[in-house]
C-alpha atoms as a PDB file:
ATOM      1  CA  MET A   1      -1.438   2.353  14.047  1.00  0.00           C
ATOM      2  CA  PRO A   2      -4.527   4.695  14.447  1.00  0.00           C
ATOM      3  CA  GLN A   3      -3.866   6.539  11.133  1.00  0.00           C
ATOM      4  CA  ARG A   4      -3.533   3.341   9.108  1.00  0.00           C
ATOM      5  CA  GLU A   5      -6.837   1.902  10.688  1.00  0.00           C
ATOM      6  CA  GLU A   6      -8.618   5.139   9.870  1.00  0.00           C
ATOM      7  CA  ARG A   7      -7.360   4.900   6.220  1.00  0.00           C
ATOM      8  CA  ARG A   8      -8.423   1.376   6.055  1.00  0.00           C
ATOM      9  CA  ARG A   9     -11.942   2.281   7.237  1.00  0.00           C
ATOM     10  CA  ARG A  10     -12.290   4.671   4.265  1.00  0.00           C
ATOM     11  CA  VAL A  11     -11.694   2.124   1.684  1.00  0.00           C
ATOM     12  CA  ARG A  12     -15.377   2.258   0.640  1.00  0.00           C
ATOM     13  CA  GLY A  13     -17.220   3.655  -2.503  1.00  0.00           C
ATOM     14  CA  LEU A  14     -15.846   4.593  -5.861  1.00  0.00           C
ATOM     15  CA  TYR A  15     -12.324   4.018  -6.395  1.00  0.00           C
ATOM     16  CA  VAL A  16     -11.121   5.697  -9.644  1.00  0.00           C
ATOM     17  CA  ILE A  17      -7.867   4.599 -11.343  1.00  0.00           C
ATOM     18  CA  THR A  18      -6.202   6.966 -13.770  1.00  0.00           C
ATOM     19  CA  ASP A  19      -5.161   5.866 -17.301  1.00  0.00           C
ATOM     20  CA  PRO A  20      -2.857   8.138 -19.163  1.00  0.00           C
ATOM     21  CA  GLY A  21      -4.373   7.180 -22.473  1.00  0.00           C
ATOM     22  CA  LEU A  22      -7.747   8.665 -21.413  1.00  0.00           C
ATOM     23  CA  GLN A  23      -7.000  12.296 -21.098  1.00  0.00           C
ATOM     24  CA  PRO A  24      -4.776  14.745 -23.074  1.00  0.00           C
ATOM     25  CA  PRO A  25      -1.480  15.909 -21.447  1.00  0.00           C
ATOM     26  CA  GLY A  26      -1.963  18.355 -18.670  1.00  0.00           C
ATOM     27  CA  ALA A  27      -5.690  17.295 -18.163  1.00  0.00           C
ATOM     28  CA  LEU A  28      -5.250  14.659 -15.454  1.00  0.00           C
ATOM     29  CA  PRO A  29      -5.652  16.973 -12.293  1.00  0.00           C
ATOM     30  CA  GLY A  30      -8.901  18.470 -13.689  1.00  0.00           C
ATOM     31  CA  ARG A  31     -10.400  15.250 -14.589  1.00  0.00           C
ATOM     32  CA  VAL A  32      -9.550  13.736 -11.208  1.00  0.00           C
ATOM     33  CA  LEU A  33     -11.104  16.700  -9.503  1.00  0.00           C
ATOM     34  CA  GLN A  34     -14.316  16.232 -11.503  1.00  0.00           C
ATOM     35  CA  ALA A  35     -14.364  12.505 -10.374  1.00  0.00           C
ATOM     36  CA  ILE A  36     -13.798  13.718  -6.654  1.00  0.00           C
ATOM     37  CA  ARG A  37     -16.864  16.222  -7.016  1.00  0.00           C
ATOM     38  CA  GLY A  38     -18.883  13.380  -8.317  1.00  0.00           C
ATOM     39  CA  GLY A  39     -18.208  11.305  -5.219  1.00  0.00           C
ATOM     40  CA  ALA A  40     -14.947   9.432  -5.786  1.00  0.00           C
ATOM     41  CA  ALA A  41     -13.637   8.257  -2.430  1.00  0.00           C
ATOM     42  CA  MET A  42     -10.201   6.964  -3.505  1.00  0.00           C
ATOM     43  CA  VAL A  43      -7.870   7.770  -6.415  1.00  0.00           C
ATOM     44  CA  GLN A  44      -5.191   5.591  -7.660  1.00  0.00           C
ATOM     45  CA  TYR A  45      -2.400   6.968  -9.865  1.00  0.00           C
ATOM     46  CA  ARG A  46      -1.476   4.268 -12.296  1.00  0.00           C
ATOM     47  CA  ASP A  47       1.144   5.038 -15.004  1.00  0.00           C
ATOM     48  CA  LYS A  48       3.699   2.539 -16.148  1.00  0.00           C
ATOM     49  CA  GLY A  49       5.532   5.028 -18.295  1.00  0.00           C
ATOM     50  CA  ALA A  50       9.317   5.459 -18.176  1.00  0.00           C
ATOM     51  CA  ASP A  51       9.328   9.375 -17.476  1.00  0.00           C
ATOM     52  CA  ALA A  52      10.062   9.352 -13.674  1.00  0.00           C
ATOM     53  CA  ALA A  53       9.980  13.122 -13.647  1.00  0.00           C
ATOM     54  CA  ARG A  54       6.664  13.472 -15.182  1.00  0.00           C
ATOM     55  CA  ARG A  55       5.344  10.583 -12.978  1.00  0.00           C
ATOM     56  CA  ARG A  56       6.675  12.310  -9.821  1.00  0.00           C
ATOM     57  CA  GLU A  57       5.151  15.579 -10.830  1.00  0.00           C
ATOM     58  CA  GLU A  58       1.569  14.102 -11.591  1.00  0.00           C
ATOM     59  CA  ALA A  59       1.546  11.972  -8.612  1.00  0.00           C
ATOM     60  CA  GLY A  60       2.563  14.988  -6.322  1.00  0.00           C
ATOM     61  CA  ALA A  61      -0.291  17.112  -7.839  1.00  0.00           C
ATOM     62  CA  LEU A  62      -2.857  14.379  -7.358  1.00  0.00           C
ATOM     63  CA  ALA A  63      -1.557  13.680  -3.785  1.00  0.00           C
ATOM     64  CA  GLU A  64      -2.020  17.356  -2.835  1.00  0.00           C
ATOM     65  CA  LEU A  65      -5.394  17.514  -4.575  1.00  0.00           C
ATOM     66  CA  CYS A  66      -6.585  14.549  -2.723  1.00  0.00           C
ATOM     67  CA  ARG A  67      -5.535  15.786   0.589  1.00  0.00           C
ATOM     68  CA  ARG A  68      -7.269  19.011  -0.011  1.00  0.00           C
ATOM     69  CA  HIS A  69     -10.577  17.099  -0.633  1.00  0.00           C
ATOM     70  CA  GLY A  70     -10.305  14.444   2.067  1.00  0.00           C
ATOM     71  CA  VAL A  71      -9.840  11.543  -0.495  1.00  0.00           C
ATOM     72  CA  LEU A  72      -7.577   8.653  -0.191  1.00  0.00           C
ATOM     73  CA  PHE A  73      -4.640   8.666  -2.642  1.00  0.00           C
ATOM     74  CA  ILE A  74      -2.912   5.409  -3.809  1.00  0.00           C
ATOM     75  CA  VAL A  75      -0.102   4.968  -6.031  1.00  0.00           C
ATOM     76  CA  ASN A  76       0.017   1.883  -8.267  1.00  0.00           C
ATOM     77  CA  ASP A  77       3.074  -0.455  -8.027  1.00  0.00           C
ATOM     78  CA  ASP A  78       5.759   2.186  -6.897  1.00  0.00           C
ATOM     79  CA  ALA A  79       6.078   2.232  -3.034  1.00  0.00           C
ATOM     80  CA  ALA A  80       8.947   4.736  -3.416  1.00  0.00           C
ATOM     81  CA  LEU A  81       6.824   7.141  -5.402  1.00  0.00           C
ATOM     82  CA  ALA A  82       3.960   6.668  -2.900  1.00  0.00           C
ATOM     83  CA  ALA A  83       6.277   7.574   0.048  1.00  0.00           C
ATOM     84  CA  ALA A  84       7.734  10.406  -1.661  1.00  0.00           C
ATOM     85  CA  VAL A  85       4.514  12.377  -2.517  1.00  0.00           C
ATOM     86  CA  GLY A  86       3.035  11.402   0.810  1.00  0.00           C
ATOM     87  CA  ALA A  87       0.316   9.235  -0.642  1.00  0.00           C
ATOM     88  CA  ASP A  88      -2.032   7.368   1.619  1.00  0.00           C
ATOM     89  CA  GLY A  89      -0.732   3.982   0.375  1.00  0.00           C
ATOM     90  CA  VAL A  90       0.489   1.943  -2.425  1.00  0.00           C
ATOM     91  CA  HIS A  91      -1.092  -1.045  -4.429  1.00  0.00           C
ATOM     92  CA  VAL A  92       0.772  -3.957  -5.614  1.00  0.00           C
ATOM     93  CA  GLY A  93      -0.187  -7.000  -7.904  1.00  0.00           C
ATOM     94  CA  ARG A  94       1.504 -10.313  -8.767  1.00  0.00           C
ATOM     95  CA  GLY A  95       4.978  -9.481 -10.021  1.00  0.00           C
ATOM     96  CA  ASP A  96       5.270  -6.277  -8.135  1.00  0.00           C
ATOM     97  CA  SER A  97       6.742  -5.787  -4.686  1.00  0.00           C
ATOM     98  CA  ALA A  98       5.608  -8.157  -1.990  1.00  0.00           C
ATOM     99  CA  VAL A  99       3.380  -6.806   0.874  1.00  0.00           C
ATOM    100  CA  ALA A 100       6.129  -6.862   3.278  1.00  0.00           C
ATOM    101  CA  ASP A 101       8.636  -5.060   0.918  1.00  0.00           C
ATOM    102  CA  ALA A 102       6.183  -2.444   0.036  1.00  0.00           C
ATOM    103  CA  ARG A 103       5.309  -1.966   3.808  1.00  0.00           C
ATOM    104  CA  ALA A 104       8.975  -1.479   4.392  1.00  0.00           C
ATOM    105  CA  VAL A 105       9.145   1.450   1.942  1.00  0.00           C
ATOM    106  CA  VAL A 106       5.839   3.284   2.701  1.00  0.00           C
ATOM    107  CA  GLY A 107       5.988   2.599   6.563  1.00  0.00           C
ATOM    108  CA  PRO A 108       3.401   1.264   9.066  1.00  0.00           C
ATOM    109  CA  GLU A 109       0.801   4.059   8.865  1.00  0.00           C
ATOM    110  CA  ARG A 110       0.083   3.952   5.035  1.00  0.00           C
ATOM    111  CA  LEU A 111      -2.031   1.434   3.158  1.00  0.00           C
ATOM    112  CA  VAL A 112      -0.766  -1.484   1.232  1.00  0.00           C
ATOM    113  CA  GLY A 113      -3.505  -2.917  -1.061  1.00  0.00           C
ATOM    114  CA  ALA A 114      -2.968  -6.091  -3.193  1.00  0.00           C
ATOM    115  CA  SER A 115      -4.481  -7.888  -6.069  1.00  0.00           C
ATOM    116  CA  SER A 116      -6.067 -11.300  -5.565  1.00  0.00           C
ATOM    117  CA  TYR A 117      -7.423 -11.603  -9.072  1.00  0.00           C
ATOM    118  CA  ASN A 118      -9.932 -14.580  -8.841  1.00  0.00           C
ATOM    119  CA  ASP A 119      -7.945 -16.623  -6.193  1.00  0.00           C
ATOM    120  CA  PRO A 120      -9.573 -16.552  -2.665  1.00  0.00           C
ATOM    121  CA  GLU A 121      -6.646 -18.316  -0.954  1.00  0.00           C
ATOM    122  CA  ARG A 122      -4.249 -15.625  -2.357  1.00  0.00           C
ATOM    123  CA  ALA A 123      -6.506 -13.149  -0.788  1.00  0.00           C
ATOM    124  CA  ARG A 124      -6.239 -14.970   2.485  1.00  0.00           C
ATOM    125  CA  HIS A 125      -2.502 -15.170   2.159  1.00  0.00           C
ATOM    126  CA  LEU A 126      -2.209 -11.485   1.349  1.00  0.00           C
ATOM    127  CA  GLN A 127      -4.179 -10.536   4.419  1.00  0.00           C
ATOM    128  CA  ALA A 128      -2.081 -12.675   6.697  1.00  0.00           C
ATOM    129  CA  GLU A 129       0.997 -10.944   5.222  1.00  0.00           C
ATOM    130  CA  GLY A 130      -0.567  -7.482   6.297  1.00  0.00           C
ATOM    131  CA  ALA A 131      -2.496  -6.239   3.173  1.00  0.00           C
ATOM    132  CA  ASP A 132      -4.861  -3.502   4.201  1.00  0.00           C
ATOM    133  CA  TYR A 133      -7.436  -4.505   1.412  1.00  0.00           C
ATOM    134  CA  VAL A 134      -7.472  -6.959  -1.396  1.00  0.00           C
ATOM    135  CA  ALA A 135      -9.022  -6.621  -4.895  1.00  0.00           C
ATOM    136  CA  PHE A 136     -10.612  -9.377  -6.821  1.00  0.00           C
ATOM    137  CA  GLY A 137     -11.256  -9.161 -10.640  1.00  0.00           C
ATOM    138  CA  ALA A 138     -11.911  -8.858 -13.529  1.00  0.00           C
ATOM    139  CA  PHE A 139     -15.556  -9.218 -12.796  1.00  0.00           C
ATOM    140  CA  PHE A 140     -16.493  -8.198 -16.365  1.00  0.00           C
ATOM    141  CA  PRO A 141     -14.662  -7.893 -19.822  1.00  0.00           C
ATOM    142  CA  SER A 142     -12.101  -5.129 -19.274  1.00  0.00           C
ATOM    143  CA  PRO A 143     -10.941  -2.667 -22.194  1.00  0.00           C
ATOM    144  CA  THR A 144      -7.791  -1.981 -19.957  1.00  0.00           C
ATOM    145  CA  LYS A 145      -6.896  -5.627 -19.365  1.00  0.00           C
ATOM    146  CA  PRO A 146      -8.793  -7.618 -22.061  1.00  0.00           C
ATOM    147  CA  GLY A 147      -6.892 -11.004 -21.099  1.00  0.00           C
ATOM    148  CA  ALA A 148      -7.597 -10.657 -17.316  1.00  0.00           C
ATOM    149  CA  VAL A 149      -8.739 -13.691 -15.468  1.00  0.00           C
ATOM    150  CA  ARG A 150     -12.458 -13.539 -14.231  1.00  0.00           C
ATOM    151  CA  ALA A 151     -13.884 -13.346 -10.843  1.00  0.00           C
ATOM    152  CA  THR A 152     -17.428 -13.823 -10.054  1.00  0.00           C
ATOM    153  CA  PRO A 153     -19.938 -12.413  -7.479  1.00  0.00           C
ATOM    154  CA  GLU A 154     -20.579 -15.920  -6.300  1.00  0.00           C
ATOM    155  CA  MET A 155     -16.851 -16.548  -5.549  1.00  0.00           C
ATOM    156  CA  LEU A 156     -16.794 -13.024  -3.791  1.00  0.00           C
ATOM    157  CA  ARG A 157     -19.831 -13.992  -1.697  1.00  0.00           C
ATOM    158  CA  ARG A 158     -18.274 -17.242  -0.516  1.00  0.00           C
ATOM    159  CA  ILE A 159     -14.948 -15.573   0.587  1.00  0.00           C
ATOM    160  CA  ARG A 160     -16.216 -12.308   1.905  1.00  0.00           C
ATOM    161  CA  PRO A 161     -16.991 -13.733   5.596  1.00  0.00           C
ATOM    162  CA  ARG A 162     -13.503 -15.068   5.586  1.00  0.00           C
ATOM    163  CA  LEU A 163     -11.817 -11.821   5.142  1.00  0.00           C
ATOM    164  CA  ARG A 164     -11.258  -9.126   7.824  1.00  0.00           C
ATOM    165  CA  VAL A 165      -9.970  -6.469   5.316  1.00  0.00           C
ATOM    166  CA  PRO A 166     -12.072  -4.335   2.826  1.00  0.00           C
ATOM    167  CA  VAL A 167     -12.569  -5.851  -0.660  1.00  0.00           C
ATOM    168  CA  VAL A 168     -12.177  -3.876  -3.937  1.00  0.00           C
ATOM    169  CA  ALA A 169     -13.761  -5.193  -7.131  1.00  0.00           C
ATOM    170  CA  ILE A 170     -12.251  -4.263 -10.418  1.00  0.00           C
ATOM    171  CA  GLY A 171     -12.534  -5.223 -14.104  1.00  0.00           C
ATOM    172  CA  GLY A 172     -15.191  -3.879 -16.400  1.00  0.00           C
ATOM    173  CA  ILE A 173     -16.994  -2.358 -13.749  1.00  0.00           C
ATOM    174  CA  THR A 174     -19.728   0.094 -14.766  1.00  0.00           C
ATOM    175  CA  ALA A 175     -22.578   1.784 -12.795  1.00  0.00           C
ATOM    176  CA  ARG A 176     -24.975  -0.453 -14.674  1.00  0.00           C
ATOM    177  CA  ASN A 177     -23.417  -3.929 -13.861  1.00  0.00           C
ATOM    178  CA  ALA A 178     -21.982  -3.067 -10.443  1.00  0.00           C
ATOM    179  CA  ALA A 179     -24.983  -3.896  -8.128  1.00  0.00           C
ATOM    180  CA  PRO A 180     -24.573  -7.645  -7.912  1.00  0.00           C
ATOM    181  CA  VAL A 181     -21.049  -7.162  -7.028  1.00  0.00           C
ATOM    182  CA  VAL A 182     -21.712  -4.640  -4.176  1.00  0.00           C
ATOM    183  CA  ALA A 183     -24.326  -7.202  -3.035  1.00  0.00           C
ATOM    184  CA  ALA A 184     -21.900  -9.881  -2.896  1.00  0.00           C
ATOM    185  CA  GLY A 185     -19.679  -8.030  -0.523  1.00  0.00           C
ATOM    186  CA  ALA A 186     -17.435  -5.514  -2.378  1.00  0.00           C
ATOM    187  CA  ASP A 187     -16.702  -2.463  -0.265  1.00  0.00           C
ATOM    188  CA  ALA A 188     -15.328  -0.415  -3.097  1.00  0.00           C
ATOM    189  CA  LEU A 189     -15.531  -0.380  -6.963  1.00  0.00           C
ATOM    190  CA  ALA A 190     -12.423   0.370  -8.778  1.00  0.00           C
ATOM    191  CA  VAL A 191     -13.199   1.987 -12.198  1.00  0.00           C
ATOM    192  CA  ILE A 192     -11.077   3.402 -14.992  1.00  0.00           C
ATOM    193  CA  THR A 193     -12.899   3.599 -18.342  1.00  0.00           C
ATOM    194  CA  ASP A 194     -16.554   4.005 -17.238  1.00  0.00           C
ATOM    195  CA  VAL A 195     -15.587   7.303 -15.437  1.00  0.00           C
ATOM    196  CA  PHE A 196     -12.579   8.722 -17.343  1.00  0.00           C
ATOM    197  CA  SER A 197     -13.762   8.111 -20.944  1.00  0.00           C
ATOM    198  CA  ALA A 198     -17.143   9.812 -20.127  1.00  0.00           C
ATOM    199  CA  PRO A 199     -18.031  13.271 -21.597  1.00  0.00           C
ATOM    200  CA  ASP A 200     -19.002  14.326 -18.056  1.00  0.00           C
ATOM    201  CA  VAL A 201     -16.579  12.636 -15.525  1.00  0.00           C
ATOM    202  CA  GLU A 202     -18.374  14.163 -12.576  1.00  0.00           C
ATOM    203  CA  ALA A 203     -21.766  12.935 -13.614  1.00  0.00           C
ATOM    204  CA  ALA A 204     -20.177   9.459 -14.443  1.00  0.00           C
ATOM    205  CA  ALA A 205     -18.746   9.379 -10.899  1.00  0.00           C
ATOM    206  CA  ARG A 206     -22.028  10.446  -9.293  1.00  0.00           C
ATOM    207  CA  ALA A 207     -23.800   7.467 -10.841  1.00  0.00           C
ATOM    208  CA  TYR A 208     -22.077   5.155  -8.267  1.00  0.00           C
ATOM    209  CA  ALA A 209     -23.109   6.930  -5.308  1.00  0.00           C
ATOM    210  CA  SER A 210     -26.495   5.257  -4.992  1.00  0.00           C
ATOM    211  CA  LEU A 211     -24.866   1.861  -5.028  1.00  0.00           C
ATOM    212  CA  PHE A 212     -23.410   2.563  -1.569  1.00  0.00           C
ATOM    213  CA  ASP A 213     -26.426   4.194   0.154  1.00  0.00           C
END
């Protein structure tokens, strides 16, 4: 599975996640392009809306944009959509598809990432199931999910040597509070608000680059 392994190695750096509430209709590709120009290495399309045709159009446009710029493109929760638009993978959480079920849809060469929240044993279980990366969080209060369980850098530091897959940190991450999370072992930082609510999306994304030097 050389293509999957190559994709897994690229799970590093700024991982931006879209939010339909943070930009006007039609502005999403342009704002994602700004984030990529600022240094985003991964883009996740996250939209829980019921309009399947709109979601298919937006995801297809972002998949093509990410391919042109050599950036990983992940679809949240919807393995069928990820496969349909040629995404690099899908991300699943508790209550979404199991890792094996998502893998059956997207195939052996695409990534399946999974949420571990604040549970190291869940992360080890997901790794054993074949997850290509695991996400922990929320590390800080999050405007996107204000009731999310909390993870800590200390927990991440303890579990990181026991994981063979990349680790993504999420939840209230900003360029100002992220350094301890990176130092604890996060390979990538998943960010929504601090990038896409910024007046200058490209500059906001660029602020993360030095954390991974």
